[in-house]
Amino acid sequence: MIERPDAVLAAIPLLAVSGLALRTAIALTGVATGLLAAPLAPVGPLAALALVFGELLTGPVAERATN
């Protein structure tokens, strides 16, 4: 059974790569220009950072700190 800490640790690298993967997929299809795909590169690392901060501020660590 996958527990919450395992899922969070697995999601961090997936989110970090997702922006680059989405940008590559858009560029390969030729549907969008580089101007559309360019802002997608930092989205993945920012989403991973938001997940880490969210877990620190609202996850089990924050709940234990308030007790």
PDB file of N, CA and C in Angstrom:
ATOM      1  N   MET A   1       0.837  -1.177   0.000  1.00  0.00           N
ATOM      2  CA  MET A   1       0.000   0.000   0.000  1.00  0.00           C
ATOM      3  C   MET A   1       0.884   1.244   0.000  1.00  0.00           C
ATOM      4  N   ILE A   2       0.581   2.150  -0.879  1.00  0.00           N
ATOM      5  CA  ILE A   2       1.352   3.395  -0.959  1.00  0.00           C
ATOM      6  C   ILE A   2       0.795   4.379   0.057  1.00  0.00           C
ATOM      7  N   GLU A   3       1.675   4.899   0.883  1.00  0.00           N
ATOM      8  CA  GLU A   3       1.268   5.870   1.888  1.00  0.00           C
ATOM      9  C   GLU A   3       1.556   7.277   1.401  1.00  0.00           C
ATOM     10  N   ARG A   4       1.034   8.257   2.116  1.00  0.00           N
ATOM     11  CA  ARG A   4       1.151   9.653   1.714  1.00  0.00           C
ATOM     12  C   ARG A   4       2.605  10.106   1.512  1.00  0.00           C
ATOM     13  N   PRO A   5       3.531   9.818   2.435  1.00  0.00           N
ATOM     14  CA  PRO A   5       4.914  10.271   2.205  1.00  0.00           C
ATOM     15  C   PRO A   5       5.523   9.690   0.933  1.00  0.00           C
ATOM     16  N   ASP A   6       5.205   8.441   0.635  1.00  0.00           N
ATOM     17  CA  ASP A   6       5.729   7.833  -0.589  1.00  0.00           C
ATOM     18  C   ASP A   6       5.176   8.526  -1.828  1.00  0.00           C
ATOM     19  N   ALA A   7       3.888   8.844  -1.797  1.00  0.00           N
ATOM     20  CA  ALA A   7       3.261   9.513  -2.942  1.00  0.00           C
ATOM     21  C   ALA A   7       3.832  10.916  -3.141  1.00  0.00           C
ATOM     22  N   VAL A   8       4.075  11.620  -2.055  1.00  0.00           N
ATOM     23  CA  VAL A   8       4.639  12.973  -2.157  1.00  0.00           C
ATOM     24  C   VAL A   8       6.056  12.913  -2.705  1.00  0.00           C
ATOM     25  N   LEU A   9       6.857  11.980  -2.202  1.00  0.00           N
ATOM     26  CA  LEU A   9       8.229  11.860  -2.697  1.00  0.00           C
ATOM     27  C   LEU A   9       8.275  11.444  -4.163  1.00  0.00           C
ATOM     28  N   ALA A  10       7.323  10.665  -4.601  1.00  0.00           N
ATOM     29  CA  ALA A  10       7.278  10.271  -6.010  1.00  0.00           C
ATOM     30  C   ALA A  10       6.777  11.406  -6.889  1.00  0.00           C
ATOM     31  N   ALA A  11       5.921  12.264  -6.358  1.00  0.00           N
ATOM     32  CA  ALA A  11       5.342  13.351  -7.158  1.00  0.00           C
ATOM     33  C   ALA A  11       6.320  14.495  -7.403  1.00  0.00           C
ATOM     34  N   ILE A  12       7.271  14.697  -6.510  1.00  0.00           N
ATOM     35  CA  ILE A  12       8.187  15.836  -6.649  1.00  0.00           C
ATOM     36  C   ILE A  12       8.992  15.779  -7.947  1.00  0.00           C
ATOM     37  N   PRO A  13       9.709  14.687  -8.263  1.00  0.00           N
ATOM     38  CA  PRO A  13      10.445  14.683  -9.535  1.00  0.00           C
ATOM     39  C   PRO A  13       9.519  14.652 -10.751  1.00  0.00           C
ATOM     40  N   LEU A  14       8.357  14.027 -10.628  1.00  0.00           N
ATOM     41  CA  LEU A  14       7.423  14.016 -11.754  1.00  0.00           C
ATOM     42  C   LEU A  14       6.937  15.423 -12.070  1.00  0.00           C
ATOM     43  N   LEU A  15       6.640  16.196 -11.053  1.00  0.00           N
ATOM     44  CA  LEU A  15       6.228  17.576 -11.276  1.00  0.00           C
ATOM     45  C   LEU A  15       7.371  18.418 -11.829  1.00  0.00           C
ATOM     46  N   ALA A  16       8.577  18.171 -11.343  1.00  0.00           N
ATOM     47  CA  ALA A  16       9.725  18.955 -11.793  1.00  0.00           C
ATOM     48  C   ALA A  16       9.995  18.771 -13.281  1.00  0.00           C
ATOM     49  N   VAL A  17       9.724  17.589 -13.799  1.00  0.00           N
ATOM     50  CA  VAL A  17       9.983  17.302 -15.207  1.00  0.00           C
ATOM     51  C   VAL A  17       8.770  17.624 -16.082  1.00  0.00           C
ATOM     52  N   SER A  18       7.609  17.767 -15.483  1.00  0.00           N
ATOM     53  CA  SER A  18       6.386  17.914 -16.269  1.00  0.00           C
ATOM     54  C   SER A  18       6.375  19.166 -17.142  1.00  0.00           C
ATOM     55  N   GLY A  19       6.919  20.270 -16.669  1.00  0.00           N
ATOM     56  CA  GLY A  19       6.943  21.487 -17.475  1.00  0.00           C
ATOM     57  C   GLY A  19       7.782  21.317 -18.723  1.00  0.00           C
ATOM     58  N   LEU A  20       8.941  20.705 -18.580  1.00  0.00           N
ATOM     59  CA  LEU A  20       9.815  20.469 -19.723  1.00  0.00           C
ATOM     60  C   LEU A  20       9.187  19.461 -20.680  1.00  0.00           C
ATOM     61  N   ALA A  21       8.540  18.431 -20.140  1.00  0.00           N
ATOM     62  CA  ALA A  21       7.897  17.431 -20.997  1.00  0.00           C
ATOM     63  C   ALA A  21       6.739  18.044 -21.782  1.00  0.00           C
ATOM     64  N   LEU A  22       5.958  18.891 -21.135  1.00  0.00           N
ATOM     65  CA  LEU A  22       4.847  19.543 -21.824  1.00  0.00           C
ATOM     66  C   LEU A  22       5.355  20.500 -22.899  1.00  0.00           C
ATOM     67  N   ARG A  23       6.412  21.217 -22.583  1.00  0.00           N
ATOM     68  CA  ARG A  23       6.998  22.136 -23.561  1.00  0.00           C
ATOM     69  C   ARG A  23       7.526  21.368 -24.780  1.00  0.00           C
ATOM     70  N   THR A  24       8.175  20.235 -24.533  1.00  0.00           N
ATOM     71  CA  THR A  24       8.694  19.417 -25.621  1.00  0.00           C
ATOM     72  C   THR A  24       7.561  18.859 -26.477  1.00  0.00           C
ATOM     73  N   ALA A  25       6.499  18.408 -25.843  1.00  0.00           N
ATOM     74  CA  ALA A  25       5.360  17.872 -26.597  1.00  0.00           C
ATOM     75  C   ALA A  25       4.724  18.935 -27.470  1.00  0.00           C
ATOM     76  N   ILE A  26       4.610  20.144 -26.972  1.00  0.00           N
ATOM     77  CA  ILE A  26       4.034  21.227 -27.772  1.00  0.00           C
ATOM     78  C   ILE A  26       4.955  21.571 -28.936  1.00  0.00           C
ATOM     79  N   ALA A  27       6.256  21.616 -28.678  1.00  0.00           N
ATOM     80  CA  ALA A  27       7.207  21.961 -29.740  1.00  0.00           C
ATOM     81  C   ALA A  27       7.260  20.880 -30.813  1.00  0.00           C
ATOM     82  N   LEU A  28       7.154  19.612 -30.417  1.00  0.00           N
ATOM     83  CA  LEU A  28       7.231  18.519 -31.390  1.00  0.00           C
ATOM     84  C   LEU A  28       6.006  18.452 -32.287  1.00  0.00           C
ATOM     85  N   THR A  29       4.857  18.806 -31.758  1.00  0.00           N
ATOM     86  CA  THR A  29       3.650  18.748 -32.587  1.00  0.00           C
ATOM     87  C   THR A  29       3.606  19.878 -33.599  1.00  0.00           C
ATOM     88  N   GLY A  30       4.302  20.958 -33.323  1.00  0.00           N
ATOM     89  CA  GLY A  30       4.318  22.077 -34.251  1.00  0.00           C
ATOM     90  C   GLY A  30       3.063  22.919 -34.187  1.00  0.00           C
ATOM     91  N   VAL A  31       2.203  22.631 -33.232  1.00  0.00           N
ATOM     92  CA  VAL A  31       0.958  23.389 -33.117  1.00  0.00           C
ATOM     93  C   VAL A  31       1.223  24.787 -32.592  1.00  0.00           C
ATOM     94  N   ALA A  32       2.116  24.909 -31.642  1.00  0.00           N
ATOM     95  CA  ALA A  32       2.370  26.200 -31.016  1.00  0.00           C
ATOM     96  C   ALA A  32       3.752  26.711 -31.392  1.00  0.00           C
ATOM     97  N   THR A  33       3.930  27.966 -31.203  1.00  0.00           N
ATOM     98  CA  THR A  33       5.230  28.571 -31.466  1.00  0.00           C
ATOM     99  C   THR A  33       6.082  28.502 -30.206  1.00  0.00           C
ATOM    100  N   GLY A  34       7.314  28.915 -30.319  1.00  0.00           N
ATOM    101  CA  GLY A  34       8.213  28.940 -29.167  1.00  0.00           C
ATOM    102  C   GLY A  34       7.750  29.918 -28.107  1.00  0.00           C
ATOM    103  N   LEU A  35       7.050  30.959 -28.517  1.00  0.00           N
ATOM    104  CA  LEU A  35       6.556  31.929 -27.541  1.00  0.00           C
ATOM    105  C   LEU A  35       5.510  31.321 -26.622  1.00  0.00           C
ATOM    106  N   LEU A  36       4.720  30.400 -27.142  1.00  0.00           N
ATOM    107  CA  LEU A  36       3.716  29.734 -26.306  1.00  0.00           C
ATOM    108  C   LEU A  36       4.373  28.716 -25.397  1.00  0.00           C
ATOM    109  N   ALA A  37       5.340  27.987 -25.907  1.00  0.00           N
ATOM    110  CA  ALA A  37       5.965  26.917 -25.136  1.00  0.00           C
ATOM    111  C   ALA A  37       7.007  27.429 -24.145  1.00  0.00           C
ATOM    112  N   ALA A  38       7.588  28.590 -24.380  1.00  0.00           N
ATOM    113  CA  ALA A  38       8.657  29.095 -23.520  1.00  0.00           C
ATOM    114  C   ALA A  38       8.257  29.251 -22.055  1.00  0.00           C
ATOM    115  N   PRO A  39       7.080  29.785 -21.739  1.00  0.00           N
ATOM    116  CA  PRO A  39       6.748  29.940 -20.313  1.00  0.00           C
ATOM    117  C   PRO A  39       6.471  28.628 -19.592  1.00  0.00           C
ATOM    118  N   LEU A  40       6.358  27.531 -20.303  1.00  0.00           N
ATOM    119  CA  LEU A  40       6.040  26.260 -19.667  1.00  0.00           C
ATOM    120  C   LEU A  40       7.243  25.601 -19.004  1.00  0.00           C
ATOM    121  N   ALA A  41       8.451  26.006 -19.353  1.00  0.00           N
ATOM    122  CA  ALA A  41       9.642  25.371 -18.782  1.00  0.00           C
ATOM    123  C   ALA A  41       9.740  25.536 -17.268  1.00  0.00           C
ATOM    124  N   PRO A  42       9.518  26.721 -16.702  1.00  0.00           N
ATOM    125  CA  PRO A  42       9.638  26.839 -15.242  1.00  0.00           C
ATOM    126  C   PRO A  42       8.410  26.365 -14.477  1.00  0.00           C
ATOM    127  N   VAL A  43       7.361  25.966 -15.165  1.00  0.00           N
ATOM    128  CA  VAL A  43       6.141  25.559 -14.476  1.00  0.00           C
ATOM    129  C   VAL A  43       6.362  24.298 -13.643  1.00  0.00           C
ATOM    130  N   GLY A  44       7.092  23.333 -14.164  1.00  0.00           N
ATOM    131  CA  GLY A  44       7.324  22.080 -13.451  1.00  0.00           C
ATOM    132  C   GLY A  44       8.064  22.256 -12.135  1.00  0.00           C
ATOM    133  N   PRO A  45       9.237  22.891 -12.150  1.00  0.00           N
ATOM    134  CA  PRO A  45       9.945  23.102 -10.870  1.00  0.00           C
ATOM    135  C   PRO A  45       9.154  23.958  -9.889  1.00  0.00           C
ATOM    136  N   LEU A  46       8.404  24.930 -10.389  1.00  0.00           N
ATOM    137  CA  LEU A  46       7.582  25.741  -9.486  1.00  0.00           C
ATOM    138  C   LEU A  46       6.462  24.920  -8.861  1.00  0.00           C
ATOM    139  N   ALA A  47       5.883  24.016  -9.633  1.00  0.00           N
ATOM    140  CA  ALA A  47       4.844  23.135  -9.088  1.00  0.00           C
ATOM    141  C   ALA A  47       5.429  22.192  -8.038  1.00  0.00           C
ATOM    142  N   ALA A  48       6.637  21.683  -8.283  1.00  0.00           N
ATOM    143  CA  ALA A  48       7.289  20.814  -7.301  1.00  0.00           C
ATOM    144  C   ALA A  48       7.611  21.591  -6.025  1.00  0.00           C
ATOM    145  N   LEU A  49       8.072  22.809  -6.171  1.00  0.00           N
ATOM    146  CA  LEU A  49       8.371  23.645  -5.011  1.00  0.00           C
ATOM    147  C   LEU A  49       7.098  23.969  -4.238  1.00  0.00           C
ATOM    148  N   ALA A  50       6.013  24.241  -4.953  1.00  0.00           N
ATOM    149  CA  ALA A  50       4.730  24.509  -4.298  1.00  0.00           C
ATOM    150  C   ALA A  50       4.248  23.282  -3.534  1.00  0.00           C
ATOM    151  N   LEU A  51       4.461  22.095  -4.081  1.00  0.00           N
ATOM    152  CA  LEU A  51       4.084  20.869  -3.384  1.00  0.00           C
ATOM    153  C   LEU A  51       4.880  20.703  -2.094  1.00  0.00           C
ATOM    154  N   VAL A  52       6.176  20.965  -2.157  1.00  0.00           N
ATOM    155  CA  VAL A  52       7.021  20.840  -0.970  1.00  0.00           C
ATOM    156  C   VAL A  52       6.589  21.841   0.104  1.00  0.00           C
ATOM    157  N   PHE A  53       6.395  23.099  -0.272  1.00  0.00           N
ATOM    158  CA  PHE A  53       5.963  24.105   0.699  1.00  0.00           C
ATOM    159  C   PHE A  53       4.563  23.813   1.221  1.00  0.00           C
ATOM    160  N   GLY A  54       3.698  23.329   0.359  1.00  0.00           N
ATOM    161  CA  GLY A  54       2.359  22.961   0.804  1.00  0.00           C
ATOM    162  C   GLY A  54       2.377  21.851   1.828  1.00  0.00           C
ATOM    163  N   GLU A  55       3.234  20.873   1.610  1.00  0.00           N
ATOM    164  CA  GLU A  55       3.355  19.783   2.577  1.00  0.00           C
ATOM    165  C   GLU A  55       3.945  20.281   3.892  1.00  0.00           C
ATOM    166  N   LEU A  56       4.878  21.210   3.813  1.00  0.00           N
ATOM    167  CA  LEU A  56       5.474  21.737   5.038  1.00  0.00           C
ATOM    168  C   LEU A  56       4.500  22.609   5.826  1.00  0.00           C
ATOM    169  N   LEU A  57       3.652  23.350   5.117  1.00  0.00           N
ATOM    170  CA  LEU A  57       2.757  24.285   5.791  1.00  0.00           C
ATOM    171  C   LEU A  57       1.417  23.663   6.199  1.00  0.00           C
ATOM    172  N   THR A  58       0.948  22.670   5.457  1.00  0.00           N
ATOM    173  CA  THR A  58      -0.378  22.114   5.759  1.00  0.00           C
ATOM    174  C   THR A  58      -0.374  20.618   5.965  1.00  0.00           C
ATOM    175  N   GLY A  59       0.738  19.964   5.764  1.00  0.00           N
ATOM    176  CA  GLY A  59       0.797  18.512   5.866  1.00  0.00           C
ATOM    177  C   GLY A  59       1.009  18.040   7.291  1.00  0.00           C
ATOM    178  N   PRO A  60       1.416  16.805   7.418  1.00  0.00           N
ATOM    179  CA  PRO A  60       1.624  16.217   8.748  1.00  0.00           C
ATOM    180  C   PRO A  60       2.687  16.936   9.592  1.00  0.00           C
ATOM    181  N   VAL A  61       3.667  17.522   8.930  1.00  0.00           N
ATOM    182  CA  VAL A  61       4.712  18.234   9.668  1.00  0.00           C
ATOM    183  C   VAL A  61       4.115  19.437  10.395  1.00  0.00           C
ATOM    184  N   ALA A  62       3.246  20.176   9.733  1.00  0.00           N
ATOM    185  CA  ALA A  62       2.597  21.339  10.354  1.00  0.00           C
ATOM    186  C   ALA A  62       1.645  20.909  11.465  1.00  0.00           C
ATOM    187  N   GLU A  63       0.963  19.790  11.271  1.00  0.00           N
ATOM    188  CA  GLU A  63       0.050  19.302  12.304  1.00  0.00           C
ATOM    189  C   GLU A  63       0.808  18.894  13.565  1.00  0.00           C
ATOM    190  N   ARG A  64       1.971  18.267  13.395  1.00  0.00           N
ATOM    191  CA  ARG A  64       2.769  17.880  14.557  1.00  0.00           C
ATOM    192  C   ARG A  64       3.379  19.109  15.252  1.00  0.00           C
ATOM    193  N   ALA A  65       3.679  20.147  14.483  1.00  0.00           N
ATOM    194  CA  ALA A  65       4.283  21.341  15.056  1.00  0.00           C
ATOM    195  C   ALA A  65       3.278  22.114  15.918  1.00  0.00           C
ATOM    196  N   THR A  66       1.999  22.041  15.573  1.00  0.00           N
ATOM    197  CA  THR A  66       1.007  22.778  16.352  1.00  0.00           C
ATOM    198  C   THR A  66       0.671  22.090  17.664  1.00  0.00           C
ATOM    199  N   ASN A  67       0.959  20.816  17.759  1.00  0.00           N
ATOM    200  CA  ASN A  67       0.626  20.087  19.007  1.00  0.00           C
ATOM    201  C   ASN A  67       1.678  20.247  20.062  1.00  0.00           C
TER     202      ASN A  67
END
